[in-house]
Protein backbone atom coordinates (compact mmCIF):
# COMPACT_ATOMS: atom_id res chain seq x y z
CA MET A 1 99.93 119.92 116.03
CA SER A 2 98.10 116.95 114.50
CA ASP A 3 95.68 114.78 116.43
CA GLU A 4 97.96 111.75 116.25
CA GLU A 5 100.86 113.75 117.71
CA LYS A 6 98.63 114.85 120.57
CA ASP A 7 97.81 111.20 121.22
CA VAL A 8 101.46 110.37 121.68
CA GLY A 9 101.82 113.24 124.12
CA PHE A 10 104.40 115.38 122.25
CA GLU A 11 104.34 118.31 119.92
CA VAL A 12 106.55 118.49 116.85
CA LYS A 13 108.66 121.45 115.88
CA PRO A 14 109.85 121.10 112.29
CA SER A 15 113.51 121.27 111.46
CA SER A 16 115.53 121.30 108.29
CA ALA A 17 116.39 117.60 108.40
CA SER A 18 114.94 114.41 109.70
CA HIS A 19 116.58 111.16 110.61
CA ALA A 20 113.41 109.14 110.99
CA GLN A 21 114.56 106.59 108.48
CA GLU A 22 118.06 106.15 109.80
CA PRO A 23 118.90 103.12 111.89
CA ALA A 24 119.65 104.06 115.47
CA GLU A 25 123.26 102.98 115.16
CA ASP A 26 123.84 105.33 112.21
CA ARG A 27 122.65 108.49 113.94
CA PRO A 28 124.91 110.97 115.72
CA LYS A 29 125.52 110.10 119.34
CA THR A 30 125.87 112.42 122.30
CA GLY A 31 126.22 110.18 125.31
CA THR A 32 124.74 107.37 127.31
CA SER A 33 121.26 106.96 128.63
CA SER A 34 120.48 106.82 132.32
CA VAL A 35 120.63 103.49 134.06
CA SER A 36 116.87 103.25 134.41
CA SER A 37 115.88 104.45 130.96
CA ASP A 38 115.95 101.45 128.63
CA ASP A 39 116.75 97.77 128.19
CA ASP A 40 120.46 98.33 128.65
CA GLU A 41 119.96 99.87 132.07
CA ILE A 42 120.12 96.41 133.62
CA HIS A 43 123.78 95.81 132.89
CA HIS A 44 124.60 97.77 129.73
CA HIS A 45 124.70 101.34 128.44
CA GLN A 46 123.33 102.59 125.13
CA ASP A 47 124.15 105.71 123.18
CA ALA A 48 121.40 108.22 122.53
CA PRO A 49 120.76 109.96 119.22
CA ASN A 50 121.40 113.66 118.88
CA SER A 51 118.11 115.54 118.90
CA ASP A 52 119.51 118.42 116.84
CA ASN A 53 119.04 116.64 113.51
CA GLY A 54 115.31 115.95 113.65
CA PRO A 55 112.00 117.45 114.62
CA GLN A 56 112.10 118.89 118.13
CA LEU A 57 109.36 117.48 120.34
CA HIS A 58 108.50 118.78 123.77
CA PRO A 59 106.41 116.94 126.34
CA ILE A 60 102.94 118.32 126.84
CA SER A 61 103.02 117.05 130.41
CA SER A 62 105.71 115.49 132.54
CA ARG A 63 103.47 112.51 133.25
CA ALA A 64 103.12 111.78 129.56
CA SER A 65 106.78 111.20 128.90
CA ALA A 66 109.55 109.09 130.24
CA PRO A 67 112.30 110.88 132.13
CA LEU A 68 114.80 110.78 129.29
CA SER A 69 117.14 113.40 127.93
CA ARG A 70 116.35 112.46 124.32
CA MET A 71 113.63 114.22 122.41
CA PRO A 72 111.13 111.86 120.75
CA THR A 73 110.43 111.89 117.05
CA VAL A 74 107.09 111.05 115.46
CA ILE A 75 107.76 109.07 112.28
CA PRO A 76 106.02 110.56 109.21
CA ARG A 77 103.11 108.42 108.05
CA ARG A 78 104.73 107.53 104.71
CA GLU A 79 107.86 106.24 106.48
CA ARG A 80 106.18 104.02 109.06
CA ARG A 81 106.92 100.31 109.08
CA GLY A 82 104.74 97.22 109.09
CA LEU A 83 101.77 95.97 107.10
CA LEU A 84 99.07 98.59 106.52
CA ALA A 85 101.01 101.02 108.70
CA HIS A 86 99.18 104.00 107.20
CA LEU A 87 95.92 102.74 108.77
CA CYS A 88 97.24 102.79 112.34
CA LEU A 89 95.72 105.60 114.41
CA ILE A 90 98.57 105.62 116.94
CA PRO A 91 101.73 106.93 115.25
CA GLU A 92 105.10 105.22 115.27
CA VAL A 93 107.82 107.10 117.16
CA SER A 94 111.58 106.81 117.08
CA ASN A 95 111.81 105.82 120.75
CA PRO A 96 108.77 103.90 122.06
CA TYR A 97 109.83 104.54 125.67
CA GLU A 98 108.64 108.10 125.17
CA TYR A 99 105.01 107.28 124.44
CA SER A 100 102.67 108.74 127.04
CA ARG A 101 101.63 106.38 129.81
CA LYS A 102 98.10 106.36 128.43
CA ILE A 103 99.36 105.16 125.06
CA LYS A 104 101.66 102.59 126.68
CA TRP A 105 98.79 101.05 128.63
CA THR A 106 96.61 101.11 125.52
CA LEU A 107 99.25 99.19 123.55
CA THR A 108 99.74 96.80 126.46
CA PHE A 109 95.99 96.13 126.53
CA PHE A 110 95.81 95.28 122.83
CA VAL A 111 98.87 93.01 123.03
CA ALA A 112 97.31 91.24 126.03
CA LEU A 113 94.06 90.89 124.06
CA ALA A 114 95.98 89.25 121.22
CA ALA A 115 97.84 87.04 123.69
CA MET A 116 94.51 85.57 124.82
CA ALA A 117 94.03 83.87 121.45
CA ALA A 118 96.48 80.97 121.92
CA PRO A 119 95.42 79.81 125.41
CA THR A 120 91.78 80.42 124.54
CA GLY A 121 92.13 78.12 121.55
CA SER A 122 93.75 75.51 123.76
CA ALA A 123 91.25 75.60 126.62
CA ILE A 124 87.97 76.25 124.82
CA ILE A 125 87.51 72.61 123.78
CA LEU A 126 88.49 71.06 127.11
CA PRO A 127 84.86 70.72 128.31
CA ALA A 128 83.85 69.39 124.87
CA LEU A 129 86.43 66.61 124.46
CA ASN A 130 83.88 63.88 125.09
CA ASP A 131 81.50 65.49 122.57
CA ILE A 132 84.28 65.64 119.96
CA ALA A 133 85.14 61.97 120.53
CA SER A 134 81.49 60.99 120.15
CA ASP A 135 80.83 63.14 117.06
CA LEU A 136 83.99 62.14 115.17
CA GLY A 137 83.92 58.50 116.19
CA THR A 138 87.11 58.31 118.24
CA THR A 139 88.25 57.89 121.85
CA ALA A 140 88.75 60.55 124.52
CA THR A 141 92.51 59.89 124.48
CA ILE A 142 92.71 60.60 120.73
CA ALA A 143 90.50 63.67 121.17
CA ASN A 144 93.03 64.91 123.75
CA MET A 145 95.57 65.00 120.92
CA SER A 146 93.79 68.05 119.51
CA VAL A 147 94.87 69.84 122.69
CA ALA A 148 98.30 68.21 123.03
CA PHE A 149 99.47 68.89 119.48
CA TYR A 150 98.02 72.40 119.65
CA MET A 151 100.41 72.96 122.57
CA LEU A 152 103.26 71.39 120.59
CA ALA A 153 102.66 73.89 117.79
CA MET A 154 102.69 76.68 120.37
CA ALA A 155 106.12 75.43 121.39
CA ILE A 156 107.74 75.23 117.96
CA PHE A 157 106.29 78.02 115.85
CA PRO A 158 107.35 80.93 118.14
CA LEU A 159 110.98 80.18 117.29
CA TRP A 160 110.32 81.44 113.76
CA TRP A 161 107.83 84.13 114.74
CA SER A 162 110.44 85.57 117.08
CA SER A 163 113.15 85.51 114.42
CA PHE A 164 110.88 87.04 111.79
CA SER A 165 109.77 89.78 114.19
CA GLU A 166 113.36 90.90 114.79
CA THR A 167 113.73 91.60 111.05
CA LEU A 168 110.21 92.19 109.69
CA GLY A 169 108.93 93.98 112.78
CA ARG A 170 106.27 93.19 115.37
CA ARG A 171 103.27 94.63 113.53
CA THR A 172 103.78 92.60 110.36
CA ILE A 173 103.98 89.38 112.37
CA TYR A 174 100.85 90.17 114.36
CA LEU A 175 98.73 90.93 111.30
CA SER A 176 99.94 88.06 109.11
CA SER A 177 99.70 85.45 111.88
CA PHE A 178 96.12 86.38 112.77
CA VAL A 179 95.06 86.08 109.14
CA LEU A 180 96.34 82.49 109.32
CA PHE A 181 94.68 81.96 112.69
CA ILE A 182 91.31 82.92 111.18
CA LEU A 183 91.83 80.66 108.16
CA TRP A 184 92.82 77.57 110.18
CA GLY A 185 89.98 78.25 112.62
CA ILE A 186 87.45 78.09 109.78
CA LEU A 187 88.88 74.78 108.59
CA SER A 188 88.83 73.40 112.15
CA ALA A 189 85.16 74.29 112.45
CA VAL A 190 84.25 72.31 109.33
CA ALA A 191 86.55 69.31 110.04
CA SER A 192 84.95 66.06 108.91
CA ASN A 193 87.20 63.68 110.89
CA ILE A 194 89.58 63.70 113.83
CA SER A 195 92.69 63.74 111.62
CA MET A 196 91.60 66.92 109.87
CA LEU A 197 90.71 68.52 113.19
CA ILE A 198 94.10 67.73 114.72
CA VAL A 199 96.03 69.03 111.69
CA MET A 200 94.01 72.25 111.52
CA ARG A 201 94.37 72.72 115.27
CA VAL A 202 98.14 72.33 114.98
CA LEU A 203 98.27 75.06 112.34
CA SER A 204 95.89 77.24 114.33
CA GLY A 205 98.02 76.88 117.46
CA GLY A 206 101.15 77.74 115.51
CA ALA A 207 99.56 80.90 114.10
CA SER A 208 98.19 82.12 117.43
CA ALA A 209 101.54 81.46 119.13
CA SER A 210 103.08 84.50 117.44
CA VAL A 211 101.98 86.70 120.34
CA GLN A 212 103.56 84.33 122.85
CA ALA A 213 106.94 85.12 121.27
CA VAL A 214 106.46 88.68 120.05
CA GLY A 215 104.18 90.06 122.78
CA GLY A 216 106.85 90.07 125.46
CA GLY A 217 109.17 91.82 123.01
CA THR A 218 106.58 94.54 122.44
CA ILE A 219 106.24 95.10 126.19
CA ALA A 220 110.03 95.33 126.46
CA ASP A 221 110.04 97.79 123.53
CA ILE A 222 107.76 100.32 125.25
CA TRP A 223 108.34 99.93 129.01
CA GLU A 224 111.45 100.77 131.00
CA VAL A 225 112.87 98.18 133.35
CA LYS A 226 111.70 99.90 136.53
CA GLU A 227 108.06 99.55 135.38
CA ARG A 228 108.31 96.43 133.27
CA GLY A 229 107.37 93.95 135.99
CA ARG A 230 103.97 95.57 136.46
CA ALA A 231 103.47 95.84 132.69
CA MET A 232 104.38 92.16 132.24
CA GLY A 233 101.85 91.28 134.92
CA ILE A 234 99.09 93.14 133.07
CA PHE A 235 100.23 91.63 129.77
CA TYR A 236 99.98 88.16 131.29
CA LEU A 237 96.36 88.83 132.19
CA GLY A 238 95.68 88.14 128.51
CA PRO A 239 97.02 84.60 128.27
CA LEU A 240 95.73 83.84 131.75
CA CYS A 241 92.22 85.16 131.16
CA GLY A 242 92.05 82.71 128.27
CA PRO A 243 91.96 79.65 130.55
CA LEU A 244 89.45 81.51 132.74
CA ILE A 245 86.97 82.49 130.04
CA ALA A 246 87.52 79.79 127.41
CA PRO A 247 86.23 76.73 129.33
CA ILE A 248 83.12 78.64 130.42
CA VAL A 249 82.42 79.84 126.88
CA GLY A 250 83.37 76.45 125.46
CA GLY A 251 81.12 74.57 127.85
CA ALA A 252 78.14 76.84 127.15
CA LEU A 253 78.64 76.76 123.38
CA ALA A 254 79.23 73.01 123.23
CA GLU A 255 76.14 72.28 125.29
CA GLY A 256 73.91 74.67 123.36
CA LEU A 257 75.28 74.65 119.79
CA GLY A 258 77.73 71.76 119.60
CA TRP A 259 81.52 71.64 119.79
CA ARG A 260 81.99 73.20 116.32
CA SER A 261 80.64 76.50 117.64
CA THR A 262 83.76 76.78 119.80
CA GLN A 263 85.90 76.99 116.67
CA TRP A 264 83.62 79.60 115.10
CA PHE A 265 84.01 81.62 118.29
CA LEU A 266 87.79 81.56 117.77
CA VAL A 267 87.35 82.76 114.18
CA ILE A 268 85.28 85.75 115.32
CA TYR A 269 87.71 86.51 118.13
CA GLY A 270 90.67 86.39 115.74
CA ALA A 271 88.95 88.84 113.38
CA VAL A 272 88.28 91.30 116.23
CA VAL A 273 91.91 91.11 117.36
CA TRP A 274 93.16 91.63 113.80
CA LEU A 275 91.12 94.84 113.49
CA CYS A 276 92.37 96.12 116.85
CA ILE A 277 95.99 95.51 115.89
CA CYS A 278 95.52 97.04 112.46
CA PHE A 279 94.18 100.33 113.81
CA PHE A 280 95.82 100.66 117.23
CA LEU A 281 99.21 98.92 117.35
CA PRO A 282 102.12 100.68 115.58
CA GLU A 283 105.56 99.22 115.01
CA THR A 284 107.63 99.37 118.22
CA LEU A 285 110.80 97.49 117.25
CA ARG A 286 113.97 99.58 117.06
CA ARG A 287 115.10 99.99 113.48
CA THR A 288 117.38 97.16 112.40
CA LYS A 289 119.40 96.23 109.35
CA ASN A 290 117.59 94.63 106.44
CA VAL A 291 118.15 90.86 106.23
CA VAL A 292 118.29 90.80 102.43
CA ALA A 293 120.73 93.73 102.30
CA GLU A 294 122.97 92.09 104.89
CA ALA A 295 122.87 88.78 103.02
CA GLU A 296 123.69 90.55 99.76
CA LYS A 297 126.69 92.19 101.39
CA GLU A 298 127.94 88.85 102.74
CA ALA A 299 127.40 87.23 99.35
CA ALA A 300 129.37 90.02 97.68
CA LYS A 301 132.26 89.48 100.07
CA ALA A 302 132.20 85.71 99.50
CA THR A 303 132.13 86.17 95.72
CA ALA A 304 135.00 88.64 95.84
CA ALA A 305 137.09 86.23 97.89
CA THR A 306 136.32 83.34 95.53
CA ARG A 307 137.16 85.40 92.47
CA THR A 308 140.48 86.48 93.94
CA ASN A 309 141.40 82.87 94.66
CA ASP A 310 140.42 81.74 91.14
CA ASP A 311 142.13 84.61 89.31
CA PRO A 312 144.93 86.53 91.05
CA LEU A 313 144.65 89.33 88.48
CA ALA A 314 141.04 89.87 89.54
CA GLY A 315 142.20 91.12 92.91
CA SER A 316 141.91 94.70 91.68
CA ASN A 317 138.24 94.50 92.53
CA THR A 318 138.38 95.03 96.27
CA THR A 319 135.81 93.81 98.71
CA GLU A 320 134.90 97.45 99.31
CA GLU A 321 134.13 97.91 95.62
CA VAL A 322 131.99 94.79 95.40
CA GLU A 323 130.12 95.76 98.56
CA ALA A 324 129.45 99.18 97.09
CA ALA A 325 128.18 97.63 93.88
CA ALA A 326 125.95 95.16 95.74
CA ALA A 327 124.44 98.01 97.75
CA GLY A 328 123.73 99.99 94.60
CA LEU A 329 126.28 102.66 95.50
CA GLU A 330 128.90 104.38 93.40
CA LYS A 331 132.61 103.95 94.02
CA PRO A 332 134.41 106.80 95.73
CA ALA A 333 135.51 109.50 93.33
CA ALA A 334 139.20 108.68 93.69
CA ASN A 335 138.70 105.11 92.56
CA THR A 336 136.29 106.09 89.78
CA ALA A 337 139.02 107.96 87.96
CA GLN A 338 141.18 104.86 87.84
CA GLN A 339 138.40 102.40 86.95
CA PRO A 340 135.53 104.18 85.23
CA SER A 341 133.41 101.04 84.73
CA PRO A 342 131.27 99.98 87.71
CA PRO A 343 132.50 96.68 89.20
CA LEU A 344 129.28 94.82 88.46
CA GLN A 345 129.79 95.32 84.72
CA ARG A 346 132.99 93.30 84.93
CA VAL A 347 131.63 90.39 86.92
CA SER A 348 131.07 87.30 84.85
CA THR A 349 127.68 85.66 84.50
CA ARG A 350 128.89 82.71 86.54
CA GLN A 351 130.01 84.95 89.39
CA SER A 352 126.78 86.94 89.25
CA VAL A 353 124.72 83.76 89.55
CA GLN A 354 126.98 82.58 92.35
CA ARG A 355 126.49 85.82 94.26
CA THR A 356 122.71 85.75 93.81
CA THR A 357 122.52 82.11 94.89
CA THR A 358 124.71 82.77 97.91
CA LYS A 359 122.59 85.75 98.89
CA TRP A 360 119.31 83.83 98.91
CA LEU A 361 120.85 80.83 100.63
CA LEU A 362 121.97 83.19 103.39
CA VAL A 363 118.47 84.69 103.57
CA LEU A 364 116.92 81.23 103.87
CA ARG A 365 119.45 80.22 106.50
CA ARG A 366 118.77 83.30 108.59
CA CYS A 367 115.00 82.95 108.29
CA PHE A 368 114.57 79.21 108.77
CA LEU A 369 117.70 77.67 110.33
CA ASP A 370 119.11 80.41 112.55
CA PRO A 371 115.94 80.50 114.72
CA LEU A 372 116.80 77.00 115.92
CA ARG A 373 119.95 78.44 117.45
CA ILE A 374 117.71 79.99 120.12
CA ILE A 375 117.87 76.61 121.85
CA LEU A 376 121.61 77.18 122.41
CA TYR A 377 120.78 79.92 124.93
CA LEU A 378 120.04 77.09 127.36
CA ARG A 379 123.79 76.58 127.71
CA PHE A 380 123.87 79.69 129.90
CA PRO A 381 123.08 78.60 133.49
CA ALA A 382 120.94 81.64 134.34
CA ILE A 383 118.72 81.11 131.29
CA PHE A 384 118.49 77.36 131.93
CA LEU A 385 117.47 77.78 135.57
CA VAL A 386 114.75 80.33 134.85
CA VAL A 387 113.31 78.45 131.87
CA SER A 388 113.35 75.05 133.58
CA TYR A 389 111.60 76.35 136.69
CA ALA A 390 108.82 77.98 134.64
CA THR A 391 108.55 74.83 132.51
CA ILE A 392 107.83 72.54 135.45
CA ALA A 393 105.10 74.87 136.72
CA PHE A 394 103.55 75.11 133.25
CA ALA A 395 103.55 71.33 132.74
CA CYS A 396 101.76 70.92 136.08
CA LEU A 397 99.16 73.43 134.91
CA TYR A 398 98.20 71.34 131.89
CA VAL A 399 98.14 68.09 133.82
CA LEU A 400 95.76 69.87 136.20
CA ASN A 401 93.57 71.07 133.31
CA ILE A 402 93.16 67.54 131.95
CA SER A 403 92.52 66.22 135.46
CA ILE A 404 89.65 68.67 136.01
CA GLU A 405 87.86 67.53 132.86
CA THR A 406 88.54 63.84 133.50
CA THR A 407 87.69 63.83 137.21
CA PHE A 408 84.63 66.05 137.41
CA SER A 409 82.86 64.77 134.30
CA HIS A 410 82.69 61.26 135.82
CA ARG A 411 81.48 59.76 139.08
CA PRO A 412 81.32 60.66 141.89
CA TYR A 413 80.90 64.21 140.55
CA ALA A 414 79.43 63.60 137.05
CA PHE A 415 78.98 67.31 136.26
CA SER A 416 77.57 68.57 132.96
CA THR A 417 79.77 70.10 130.26
CA ILE A 418 78.98 73.69 131.25
CA ILE A 419 79.60 73.02 134.96
CA VAL A 420 82.96 71.43 134.14
CA GLY A 421 83.82 74.62 132.25
CA LEU A 422 82.99 76.70 135.33
CA LEU A 423 85.44 74.65 137.41
CA TYR A 424 88.36 76.29 135.58
CA ILE A 425 87.52 79.65 137.17
CA PRO A 426 89.32 79.27 140.56
CA ASN A 427 92.88 78.79 139.25
CA SER A 428 92.32 81.56 136.70
CA LEU A 429 91.19 83.89 139.48
CA GLY A 430 94.49 83.12 141.17
CA TYR A 431 96.34 84.07 137.98
CA MET A 432 94.45 87.34 137.72
CA PHE A 433 94.99 88.23 141.37
CA THR A 434 98.74 87.74 141.06
CA SER A 435 98.91 89.57 137.73
CA LEU A 436 97.20 92.62 139.20
CA PHE A 437 99.27 92.84 142.38
CA GLY A 438 102.31 90.62 141.87
CA GLY A 439 103.91 92.75 139.15
CA ARG A 440 104.06 95.83 141.36
CA TRP A 441 105.48 93.69 144.16
CA LEU A 442 108.09 92.31 141.76
CA ASP A 443 109.21 95.83 140.79
CA SER A 444 109.38 96.95 144.43
CA ILE A 445 111.57 93.95 145.30
CA MET A 446 113.96 94.85 142.49
CA ARG A 447 114.20 98.48 143.64
CA ARG A 448 114.68 97.43 147.26
CA GLU A 449 117.52 95.05 146.42
CA ALA A 450 119.28 97.68 144.30
CA ALA A 451 118.99 100.23 147.12
CA ARG A 452 120.12 97.71 149.73
CA ALA A 453 123.23 96.92 147.66
CA ASN A 454 123.79 100.65 147.08
CA ARG A 455 124.12 100.12 143.31
CA VAL A 456 123.96 103.69 142.03
CA ASP A 457 125.19 105.03 138.72
CA PRO A 458 127.69 107.77 139.68
CA ALA A 459 126.91 109.71 136.49
CA THR A 460 123.14 109.94 137.01
CA GLY A 461 122.57 109.01 140.63
CA ARG A 462 119.99 106.41 139.62
CA LEU A 463 119.72 102.87 140.86
CA GLN A 464 121.22 100.09 138.76
CA PHE A 465 118.99 97.01 138.52
CA ARG A 466 119.93 93.34 138.18
CA PRO A 467 117.61 90.61 136.81
CA GLU A 468 118.49 88.21 139.62
CA ASP A 469 117.10 90.72 142.15
CA ARG A 470 113.60 89.64 141.12
CA MET A 471 114.07 86.14 142.57
CA ARG A 472 113.68 86.78 146.29
CA GLU A 473 110.85 86.07 148.79
CA ASN A 474 108.32 86.08 145.96
CA ALA A 475 110.08 83.08 144.43
CA TRP A 476 110.18 81.21 147.76
CA LEU A 477 106.46 81.84 148.23
CA GLY A 478 105.69 80.51 144.75
CA ALA A 479 107.98 77.51 145.27
CA ALA A 480 106.07 76.51 148.41
CA LEU A 481 102.52 77.54 147.46
CA PHE A 482 101.82 75.81 144.18
CA PRO A 483 103.30 72.37 145.13
CA ALA A 484 101.26 72.45 148.36
CA ALA A 485 98.15 73.28 146.33
CA LEU A 486 98.84 70.34 144.01
CA VAL A 487 98.89 67.89 146.95
CA TRP A 488 95.73 69.51 148.35
CA TYR A 489 93.88 69.20 145.04
CA GLY A 490 95.13 65.71 144.23
CA TRP A 491 93.98 63.98 147.40
CA THR A 492 90.67 65.84 147.80
CA ALA A 493 89.76 65.04 144.18
CA GLU A 494 90.91 61.44 144.64
CA GLU A 495 88.66 60.95 147.67
CA GLY A 496 85.64 62.63 146.08
CA VAL A 497 85.53 65.45 148.66
CA PHE A 498 82.94 68.21 148.14
CA TRP A 499 83.91 70.05 144.95
CA LEU A 500 84.58 73.40 146.65
CA CYS A 501 87.58 72.00 148.55
CA PRO A 502 89.71 71.08 145.48
CA MET A 503 88.64 74.32 143.79
CA VAL A 504 90.05 76.40 146.67
CA ALA A 505 93.30 74.49 146.21
CA ASN A 506 93.26 75.43 142.54
CA PHE A 507 93.00 79.12 143.43
CA PHE A 508 96.21 78.90 145.45
CA PHE A 509 97.83 76.92 142.65
CA GLY A 510 97.00 79.84 140.35
CA VAL A 511 98.55 82.36 142.74
CA GLY A 512 101.75 80.37 143.27
CA SER A 513 102.33 79.36 139.66
CA MET A 514 101.66 82.88 138.37
CA LEU A 515 104.35 84.24 140.68
CA ILE A 516 106.75 81.91 138.88
CA PHE A 517 105.49 82.66 135.35
CA ALA A 518 105.65 86.46 135.73
CA MET A 519 109.06 86.37 137.40
CA ALA A 520 110.55 84.07 134.76
CA THR A 521 109.24 86.04 131.78
CA THR A 522 110.44 89.38 133.13
CA MET A 523 113.86 88.02 134.08
CA LEU A 524 114.37 86.56 130.60
CA THR A 525 113.70 89.91 128.91
CA GLU A 526 116.24 91.48 131.26
CA PHE A 527 118.92 88.82 130.94
CA MET A 528 118.58 89.24 127.15
CA PRO A 529 117.70 92.95 126.70
CA LYS A 530 118.59 93.01 123.00
CA LYS A 531 117.03 89.60 122.32
CA ALA A 532 113.83 89.88 124.37
CA SER A 533 111.65 88.08 121.82
CA ASN A 534 114.19 85.27 121.57
CA GLY A 535 114.09 84.79 125.32
CA ILE A 536 110.30 84.62 125.35
CA ALA A 537 110.30 82.24 122.37
CA LEU A 538 112.78 79.93 124.09
CA ASN A 539 110.67 79.90 127.24
CA ASN A 540 107.54 79.08 125.24
CA PHE A 541 109.37 76.41 123.24
CA VAL A 542 110.51 74.44 126.27
CA ARG A 543 107.44 74.84 128.45
CA ASN A 544 104.92 74.07 125.70
CA ILE A 545 106.77 70.88 124.77
CA PHE A 546 106.42 69.73 128.35
CA SER A 547 102.79 70.88 128.50
CA CYS A 548 102.16 68.78 125.37
CA VAL A 549 103.68 65.76 127.10
CA GLY A 550 101.64 66.51 130.21
CA SER A 551 98.42 66.68 128.21
CA VAL A 552 99.14 63.31 126.58
CA VAL A 553 100.16 61.37 129.70
CA ALA A 554 97.77 62.94 132.23
CA GLN A 555 94.72 60.79 131.57
CA PRO A 556 96.58 57.43 131.45
CA LEU A 557 98.45 58.32 134.66
CA ILE A 558 95.25 59.33 136.45
CA ALA A 559 93.70 56.02 135.42
CA ALA A 560 96.79 54.11 136.58
CA ILE A 561 97.73 55.72 139.91
CA GLY A 562 94.97 58.25 140.63
CA ASN A 563 95.01 62.00 141.23
CA GLY A 564 96.50 61.73 144.71
CA TRP A 565 99.80 60.07 143.92
CA LEU A 566 100.15 61.80 140.54
CA PHE A 567 99.97 65.30 142.00
CA THR A 568 102.03 64.35 145.03
CA GLY A 569 104.83 63.28 142.70
CA LEU A 570 104.54 66.49 140.68
CA ALA A 571 104.58 68.54 143.88
CA VAL A 572 107.79 66.90 145.12
CA ILE A 573 109.55 67.49 141.78
CA SER A 574 108.35 71.10 141.64
CA PHE A 575 109.36 71.91 145.21
CA VAL A 576 112.82 70.36 145.05
CA TRP A 577 113.75 71.86 141.69
CA GLY A 578 112.24 75.25 142.57
CA CYS A 579 114.26 75.52 145.77
CA ALA A 580 117.42 74.45 143.93
CA CYS A 581 116.91 77.11 141.24
CA ILE A 582 116.24 79.90 143.74
CA TRP A 583 119.26 78.97 145.85
CA ALA A 584 121.54 78.79 142.79
CA MET A 585 120.32 82.14 141.48
CA LYS A 586 120.84 83.80 144.85
CA ARG A 587 124.26 82.24 145.34
CA PHE A 588 125.69 82.45 141.82
CA GLY A 589 123.33 84.83 139.99
CA GLU A 590 125.77 87.72 139.68
CA ARG A 591 128.55 85.46 138.43
CA MET A 592 126.24 83.83 135.87
CA ARG A 593 124.99 87.20 134.62
CA LYS A 594 128.51 88.58 134.24
CA GLY A 595 129.40 85.52 132.19
CA MET A 596 126.63 86.52 129.79
CA ASP A 597 127.50 90.23 129.61
CA GLY A 598 129.27 91.08 126.40
CA HIS A 599 128.82 87.59 124.94
CA LYS A 600 128.28 87.74 121.20
CA ALA A 601 125.12 85.62 121.53
CA PHE A 602 123.40 88.57 123.21
CA ALA A 603 124.78 91.33 120.99
């Protein structure tokens, strides 16, 4: 047994054949998986591959493997997917659910580490905005644009990262996006004017946002539903530790070395993350059909139909024959005897060009236009309610971030840059507290609701889980806690109360808002089990657009009406909409979910 196979927690017994390269849908099937064994356990069933055709693997310990009937297969090194896959020390397996728990937590840690990059890049310059404005000869409002448009890029780019990851794989997206993140970070550090800084920051934010879309998909790839809430909570420690650490680091660097050092820090961080992913994060996406091959098949069908319409005598070339030719396959023997020449030899130059053009137009459409269709998922009420609730909380977060810098860097507080950076700690501590303990609570609520409803699979005796079960007392607590904290912070900051008082409010804001973020992200991956990355990308798209708006309007609103009335208004909106969403999900959640089951948009 090789070292890498030991790491996964299984030993391989060779067999005469291997199906490591076959797509899951093409393998022999023996039955359905248990209700709690994969993405489809929420409200679907999925066939399992027959273990007789590949290497037989047996768990070294029961703790190291998931309780599945399928035997895992370690993919041979030469057949592994993703950029530089041969350098990865953790091997790719046919079913990522069957990694040992140690490996699963290791992968979760590295994905969380990568997920820190985007929010770190956003928050690291918050304490240095006044320094940037002074150095580049602009105003604080224009300097804020380097944060606002960074968030806008984080909203838009994940749509394409998510789409690319579903075809190219997670690993390829991680590695390529962090190369770009490093490049744009270098150019941001040497920016000679505010325009160059904003443009480079937009590109940097777009590159780092890949993990926002793909990271949740990776967690869904390796963790079963019954444990996914806790795993999502740990994963979210990454993007939430960014706002905790980044302002402190940014304040210290800006005060000691100037604001440009914050961008060099991001370059170094991106390089470290790239190395970690390269050596420790294998491909986890289930094997899917190749986009180019699928486009070529569609182009062949379209060309065959066009040719038949133009020339009725050309109908002897069936769609099956053209498909076989496009795939590089030979015709069946029976047809070969009648027509010895391969079909492609009898296709005119015009038709060949037409087919090639159609193929690449389809590829371009799937890569660049189809991702925009993710927005159409908002037409499903369950998706809309979850995304909108998380969006309001996230927009409030960024208004709060701008308020901290604006309020505490001026009288009556007038703190230094590094002290302002330290003031971002309380809400981040709230995020961390909820991430560590809220995920386990979220999973226990889901199990409790399934047991209370007596939803048991008669075939396996296991509980059947529903995404809407996650929105119970935890959601009500979040809906009440973070709006109350906003009012608390707003009026204490407005009246110049001792700094500790508004900071305590920010801790409770972190706890309440994180309850909402974790719940929303996990529910989206479960409402869309086969499109997990699309769900995360949609959530990021909507919430980051609103966070961009919040970053732009926060300072003018604070100047116009003050912190007190601004955060009171946000609290009222958050509380009313939050209660409405929770009530609707509790009242109509099952009906809304059933309306989504079997819909072609989620196939």
